[in-house]
N, C-alpha and C. Protein backbone atom coordinates (compact mmCIF):
# COMPACT_ATOMS: atom_id res chain seq x y z
N MET A 1 -39.28 -27.68 -38.47
CA MET A 1 -39.59 -26.46 -39.21
C MET A 1 -39.35 -25.48 -38.14
N VAL A 2 -38.87 -23.98 -38.60
CA VAL A 2 -38.13 -22.90 -37.47
C VAL A 2 -39.08 -22.07 -37.58
N MET A 3 -40.02 -21.52 -36.21
CA MET A 3 -41.11 -20.87 -36.45
C MET A 3 -40.88 -19.76 -36.53
N PRO A 4 -41.25 -18.69 -37.39
CA PRO A 4 -40.92 -17.56 -37.31
C PRO A 4 -40.74 -16.81 -35.97
N ALA A 5 -40.37 -15.70 -35.41
CA ALA A 5 -40.27 -15.06 -34.14
C ALA A 5 -41.15 -14.89 -33.77
N PHE A 6 -42.02 -13.73 -34.86
CA PHE A 6 -43.11 -12.99 -34.16
C PHE A 6 -44.38 -14.41 -33.81
N LEU A 7 -44.40 -15.68 -34.36
CA LEU A 7 -45.31 -16.71 -34.13
C LEU A 7 -44.79 -16.95 -32.17
N CYS A 8 -43.61 -17.20 -32.27
CA CYS A 8 -43.37 -17.39 -31.06
C CYS A 8 -43.34 -16.76 -29.97
N SER A 9 -43.07 -15.13 -29.94
CA SER A 9 -44.01 -13.88 -29.66
C SER A 9 -45.59 -14.55 -29.27
N ILE A 10 -46.21 -14.80 -29.99
CA ILE A 10 -47.33 -14.91 -29.98
C ILE A 10 -48.23 -16.28 -28.77
N ILE A 11 -47.53 -16.85 -29.19
CA ILE A 11 -47.63 -18.15 -27.83
C ILE A 11 -46.51 -18.01 -26.86
N ASP A 12 -45.94 -17.07 -26.67
CA ASP A 12 -45.28 -16.79 -25.31
C ASP A 12 -46.64 -15.88 -24.83
N TRP A 13 -46.85 -14.79 -25.61
CA TRP A 13 -48.20 -14.41 -24.91
C TRP A 13 -49.26 -14.77 -24.51
N LEU A 14 -49.87 -15.84 -25.40
CA LEU A 14 -50.79 -16.80 -24.83
C LEU A 14 -50.47 -17.72 -23.59
N ARG A 15 -49.33 -18.14 -23.31
CA ARG A 15 -49.01 -18.65 -22.25
C ARG A 15 -48.91 -17.50 -21.24
N ALA A 16 -48.78 -16.37 -21.21
CA ALA A 16 -48.45 -15.69 -20.45
C ALA A 16 -50.39 -15.12 -19.89
N GLY A 17 -50.87 -15.06 -21.10
CA GLY A 17 -52.34 -14.74 -20.74
C GLY A 17 -53.26 -15.64 -19.88
N TYR A 18 -52.74 -16.81 -20.51
CA TYR A 18 -53.37 -18.42 -19.85
C TYR A 18 -52.25 -19.25 -19.12
N PRO A 19 -51.89 -18.71 -18.18
CA PRO A 19 -51.15 -19.65 -17.44
C PRO A 19 -51.18 -20.81 -17.20
N ASP A 20 -52.22 -21.37 -17.14
CA ASP A 20 -52.59 -22.34 -16.83
C ASP A 20 -53.95 -23.57 -18.26
N GLY A 21 -52.94 -22.74 -18.98
CA GLY A 21 -53.60 -23.15 -20.34
C GLY A 21 -55.09 -22.57 -20.38
N VAL A 22 -55.44 -22.40 -22.12
CA VAL A 22 -56.30 -22.07 -22.97
C VAL A 22 -57.59 -22.78 -22.39
N PRO A 23 -58.97 -21.96 -21.64
CA PRO A 23 -59.79 -23.29 -21.53
C PRO A 23 -60.29 -23.07 -22.68
N ALA A 24 -61.12 -24.34 -22.76
CA ALA A 24 -61.87 -25.01 -24.07
C ALA A 24 -62.73 -23.84 -24.53
N HIS A 25 -63.95 -23.15 -23.29
CA HIS A 25 -64.99 -22.25 -24.05
C HIS A 25 -63.93 -20.62 -24.88
N ASP A 26 -62.36 -20.90 -24.51
CA ASP A 26 -61.94 -19.67 -25.05
C ASP A 26 -61.30 -20.10 -26.59
N TYR A 27 -61.54 -21.19 -26.87
CA TYR A 27 -60.45 -21.53 -28.14
C TYR A 27 -61.18 -20.76 -29.42
N ILE A 28 -62.60 -21.14 -29.68
CA ILE A 28 -62.80 -20.32 -31.04
C ILE A 28 -62.97 -19.13 -30.88
N PRO A 29 -63.44 -18.17 -30.07
CA PRO A 29 -63.40 -16.64 -29.80
C PRO A 29 -61.62 -16.41 -29.85
N LEU A 30 -61.00 -16.99 -29.20
CA LEU A 30 -59.73 -16.65 -29.40
C LEU A 30 -58.68 -16.96 -30.73
N PHE A 31 -59.09 -18.04 -31.67
CA PHE A 31 -58.77 -18.32 -32.81
C PHE A 31 -59.33 -17.17 -33.90
N ALA A 32 -60.69 -17.19 -33.60
CA ALA A 32 -61.52 -15.52 -34.63
C ALA A 32 -60.55 -14.70 -34.41
N LEU A 33 -60.14 -13.90 -32.95
CA LEU A 33 -59.56 -12.98 -32.98
C LEU A 33 -58.23 -13.26 -33.74
N LEU A 34 -57.12 -14.58 -33.54
CA LEU A 34 -55.96 -14.34 -34.09
C LEU A 34 -56.43 -14.32 -35.74
N GLY A 35 -57.29 -15.15 -35.99
CA GLY A 35 -57.37 -15.25 -37.92
C GLY A 35 -57.59 -13.97 -38.32
N THR A 36 -58.25 -12.74 -37.76
CA THR A 36 -57.95 -11.66 -38.14
C THR A 36 -56.72 -11.29 -38.56
N GLN A 37 -55.71 -11.73 -38.59
CA GLN A 37 -54.47 -11.07 -38.42
C GLN A 37 -53.50 -11.72 -39.11
N LEU A 38 -53.70 -13.30 -38.93
CA LEU A 38 -53.04 -14.62 -39.30
C LEU A 38 -53.66 -15.40 -39.94
N THR A 39 -52.64 -16.22 -40.78
CA THR A 39 -52.79 -16.95 -41.82
C THR A 39 -53.56 -18.33 -41.20
N ASP A 40 -54.01 -18.96 -41.89
CA ASP A 40 -54.05 -20.76 -41.59
C ASP A 40 -53.55 -20.73 -41.09
N ASP A 41 -51.88 -20.88 -41.77
CA ASP A 41 -50.78 -22.09 -41.44
C ASP A 41 -50.26 -21.26 -40.14
N GLU A 42 -50.63 -19.82 -40.16
CA GLU A 42 -49.75 -19.54 -38.63
C GLU A 42 -50.79 -20.43 -37.97
N LEU A 43 -51.98 -19.98 -37.63
CA LEU A 43 -52.59 -20.56 -36.73
C LEU A 43 -52.46 -21.99 -36.89
N CYS A 44 -52.66 -22.63 -37.58
CA CYS A 44 -52.12 -24.25 -37.09
C CYS A 44 -50.62 -24.43 -37.17
N ALA A 45 -49.98 -23.59 -36.95
CA ALA A 45 -48.48 -23.69 -36.30
C ALA A 45 -48.67 -23.27 -35.28
N ILE A 46 -49.60 -22.08 -34.24
CA ILE A 46 -49.64 -22.05 -32.97
C ILE A 46 -50.51 -23.32 -32.17
N VAL A 47 -51.37 -23.65 -32.84
CA VAL A 47 -52.46 -24.98 -32.34
C VAL A 47 -51.36 -26.17 -31.98
N ASP A 48 -50.47 -26.19 -33.39
CA ASP A 48 -49.88 -27.89 -33.23
C ASP A 48 -48.66 -27.24 -31.86
N GLU A 49 -48.17 -25.81 -31.73
CA GLU A 49 -47.12 -25.65 -30.52
C GLU A 49 -47.95 -25.93 -29.11
N LEU A 50 -49.29 -25.51 -29.41
CA LEU A 50 -49.74 -25.42 -28.21
C LEU A 50 -50.36 -26.68 -27.60
N ALA A 51 -50.91 -27.71 -28.34
CA ALA A 51 -50.92 -29.09 -28.71
C ALA A 51 -50.14 -29.75 -28.25
N ALA A 52 -49.29 -29.35 -28.37
CA ALA A 52 -47.87 -30.40 -28.06
C ALA A 52 -47.54 -30.28 -26.51
N SER A 53 -47.60 -29.22 -26.18
CA SER A 53 -47.50 -28.96 -24.40
C SER A 53 -48.63 -29.47 -23.95
N ALA A 54 -49.76 -29.55 -24.54
CA ALA A 54 -51.10 -29.80 -23.49
C ALA A 54 -51.63 -31.79 -23.52
N ASP A 55 -52.10 -31.99 -22.61
CA ASP A 55 -52.47 -33.28 -21.94
C ASP A 55 -53.27 -33.81 -23.46
N PRO A 56 -53.09 -34.83 -24.02
CA PRO A 56 -54.08 -35.75 -25.18
C PRO A 56 -55.56 -35.24 -24.82
N ALA A 57 -56.39 -35.16 -24.11
CA ALA A 57 -57.59 -35.04 -24.15
C ALA A 57 -57.87 -33.17 -24.80
N SER A 58 -57.04 -32.72 -23.82
CA SER A 58 -56.88 -31.16 -24.67
C SER A 58 -56.19 -30.57 -25.77
N ALA A 59 -55.50 -31.69 -26.23
CA ALA A 59 -54.84 -31.34 -27.24
C ALA A 59 -56.11 -31.75 -28.59
N THR A 60 -56.79 -32.69 -28.73
CA THR A 60 -57.69 -32.78 -29.26
C THR A 60 -58.26 -32.06 -29.82
N VAL A 61 -59.34 -31.54 -28.44
CA VAL A 61 -60.54 -30.26 -28.36
C VAL A 61 -59.73 -29.41 -28.89
N LEU A 62 -58.34 -28.93 -28.51
CA LEU A 62 -57.53 -27.40 -29.35
C LEU A 62 -57.80 -27.58 -30.68
N ARG A 63 -57.54 -28.96 -31.39
CA ARG A 63 -57.06 -29.41 -32.85
C ARG A 63 -58.53 -29.31 -33.62
N GLU A 64 -59.45 -30.00 -32.72
CA GLU A 64 -61.11 -30.15 -33.18
C GLU A 64 -61.37 -28.45 -33.36
N ALA A 65 -61.25 -27.42 -32.48
CA ALA A 65 -61.59 -25.95 -32.40
C ALA A 65 -61.01 -24.91 -33.64
N ILE A 66 -60.05 -25.49 -33.79
CA ILE A 66 -59.15 -24.86 -34.95
C ILE A 66 -60.20 -24.92 -36.50
N THR A 67 -60.46 -26.38 -36.47
CA THR A 67 -61.38 -26.88 -37.64
C THR A 67 -62.67 -26.14 -37.47
N ARG A 68 -63.30 -25.51 -36.39
CA ARG A 68 -64.53 -25.30 -36.24
C ARG A 68 -64.90 -23.46 -36.49
N VAL A 69 -63.14 -23.25 -36.37
CA VAL A 69 -63.07 -21.65 -36.34
C VAL A 69 -63.84 -21.02 -37.50
N HIS A 70 -63.59 -21.59 -38.92
CA HIS A 70 -64.14 -21.05 -39.85
C HIS A 70 -65.71 -20.67 -39.86
N GLY A 71 -66.31 -21.97 -39.00
CA GLY A 71 -68.17 -21.64 -39.25
C GLY A 71 -68.43 -21.40 -38.20
N ALA A 72 -67.88 -21.19 -37.37
CA ALA A 72 -68.22 -20.76 -36.27
C ALA A 72 -68.07 -19.04 -35.94
N GLN A 73 -69.02 -18.23 -35.06
CA GLN A 73 -69.18 -16.89 -34.75
C GLN A 73 -69.44 -16.64 -33.30
N PRO A 74 -68.02 -16.25 -32.92
CA PRO A 74 -67.90 -16.03 -31.38
C PRO A 74 -68.64 -15.07 -31.41
N THR A 75 -69.57 -14.85 -29.91
CA THR A 75 -70.17 -13.52 -29.76
C THR A 75 -68.79 -12.56 -29.63
N HIS A 76 -69.63 -11.15 -29.68
CA HIS A 76 -68.63 -10.19 -29.51
C HIS A 76 -68.33 -10.30 -27.97
N ALA A 77 -69.08 -10.49 -27.37
CA ALA A 77 -68.90 -10.76 -25.60
C ALA A 77 -67.43 -12.07 -25.26
N ASP A 78 -67.82 -12.85 -26.25
CA ASP A 78 -66.47 -13.71 -25.39
C ASP A 78 -65.24 -13.12 -26.12
N VAL A 79 -65.12 -12.65 -27.60
CA VAL A 79 -64.57 -12.14 -28.10
C VAL A 79 -63.36 -10.74 -27.68
N ALA A 80 -64.50 -9.83 -26.78
CA ALA A 80 -64.15 -9.02 -26.00
C ALA A 80 -63.36 -9.65 -24.48
N ARG A 81 -64.28 -11.10 -23.98
CA ARG A 81 -63.23 -11.37 -23.14
C ARG A 81 -62.15 -11.90 -23.37
N VAL A 82 -61.73 -12.44 -24.14
CA VAL A 82 -60.68 -13.41 -24.42
C VAL A 82 -59.20 -11.98 -25.05
N ARG A 83 -59.89 -11.14 -25.79
CA ARG A 83 -59.55 -9.30 -25.49
C ARG A 83 -58.68 -9.36 -24.23
N ALA A 84 -59.51 -8.89 -23.62
CA ALA A 84 -59.15 -8.06 -22.18
C ALA A 84 -58.47 -9.36 -21.46
N HIS A 85 -58.83 -10.62 -21.43
CA HIS A 85 -57.62 -11.66 -20.80
C HIS A 85 -56.33 -11.54 -21.29
N LEU A 86 -55.77 -11.74 -22.82
CA LEU A 86 -54.87 -11.52 -23.16
C LEU A 86 -54.34 -9.98 -22.74
N ALA A 87 -54.93 -8.99 -22.85
CA ALA A 87 -54.04 -7.52 -22.47
C ALA A 87 -53.33 -7.84 -21.48
N ALA A 88 -54.31 -8.45 -20.63
CA ALA A 88 -53.87 -8.65 -18.86
C ALA A 88 -52.50 -9.41 -18.90
N GLY A 89 -52.64 -10.48 -19.54
CA GLY A 89 -51.23 -11.16 -20.07
C GLY A 89 -49.82 -10.05 -20.56
N GLY A 90 -50.49 -9.16 -21.29
CA GLY A 90 -49.36 -8.32 -22.00
C GLY A 90 -49.78 -8.16 -23.06
N TRP A 91 -50.55 -8.76 -24.03
CA TRP A 91 -50.78 -9.10 -25.24
C TRP A 91 -50.79 -7.69 -25.98
N PRO A 92 -50.28 -7.28 -27.22
CA PRO A 92 -50.04 -6.25 -27.62
C PRO A 92 -51.29 -5.81 -28.19
N LEU A 93 -52.04 -5.12 -28.63
CA LEU A 93 -53.26 -4.48 -29.25
C LEU A 93 -53.16 -4.14 -30.49
N ALA A 94 -52.06 -4.13 -30.94
CA ALA A 94 -51.49 -3.48 -32.11
C ALA A 94 -51.89 -4.73 -33.22
N PRO A 95 -51.70 -4.59 -34.40
CA PRO A 95 -51.29 -5.90 -35.49
C PRO A 95 -49.99 -6.56 -35.25
N LEU A 96 -50.52 -7.92 -35.08
CA LEU A 96 -49.41 -8.88 -34.77
C LEU A 96 -47.74 -8.56 -35.75
N LYS A 97 -48.41 -8.69 -36.58
CA LYS A 97 -47.28 -8.32 -37.93
C LYS A 97 -47.34 -7.03 -38.47
N PRO A 98 -45.97 -6.83 -39.37
CA PRO A 98 -46.11 -5.48 -40.05
C PRO A 98 -47.01 -5.16 -41.09
N ALA A 99 -47.57 -4.11 -41.56
CA ALA A 99 -48.35 -4.25 -42.35
C ALA A 99 -48.05 -4.97 -43.69
N GLN A 100 -48.76 -5.62 -44.72
CA GLN A 100 -47.98 -5.59 -45.88
C GLN A 100 -48.34 -4.58 -46.78
N PRO A 101 -47.19 -3.68 -47.25
CA PRO A 101 -46.99 -2.51 -48.39
C PRO A 101 -48.46 -2.92 -49.67
N ALA A 102 -49.21 -1.77 -49.38
CA ALA A 102 -49.95 -1.73 -50.45
C ALA A 102 -49.42 -2.02 -51.81
N ARG A 103 -50.04 -2.45 -52.97
CA ARG A 103 -50.03 -3.18 -54.17
C ARG A 103 -50.57 -2.25 -55.19
N ALA A 104 -49.57 -1.79 -56.08
CA ALA A 104 -50.46 -0.95 -56.85
C ALA A 104 -51.52 -1.31 -57.89
N THR A 105 -52.29 -0.88 -58.36
CA THR A 105 -52.87 -1.36 -59.17
C THR A 105 -53.07 -0.99 -60.50
N ARG A 106 -53.24 -2.01 -61.49
CA ARG A 106 -52.84 -1.32 -62.80
C ARG A 106 -53.67 -0.49 -63.50
N ASP A 107 -55.29 -0.25 -62.92
CA ASP A 107 -55.84 0.65 -63.22
C ASP A 107 -55.58 1.94 -62.24
N ALA A 108 -54.37 2.55 -62.05
CA ALA A 108 -54.37 3.22 -61.00
C ALA A 108 -54.19 4.81 -62.00
N HIS A 109 -54.66 5.38 -61.58
CA HIS A 109 -54.21 7.17 -62.56
C HIS A 109 -53.35 7.87 -61.65
N PRO A 110 -52.30 8.81 -62.07
CA PRO A 110 -51.58 9.36 -61.71
C PRO A 110 -52.09 10.70 -61.04
């Protein structure tokens, strides 16, 4: 499967922000942060790409983290720490992908 360009950009930003790899304690806040703008399938594609370049033990922890992110509530401090770390690596703080146009509702009045 060919990965969309914006997902490749995210992986590049993650690698720039974490040149030595994402530490395990940053997985949950990182995925929570990404999850505000990406679909589950997009998150899984990123996890798969990162896991493919990690050692087997790290890849397992990474894949387990993505399964826990839906029930986990990272602290604001953890998310802020990860956001600052990514910003230092060139992460764009604007939305990751273009906003979808708003759909008209049936009940809209002129």
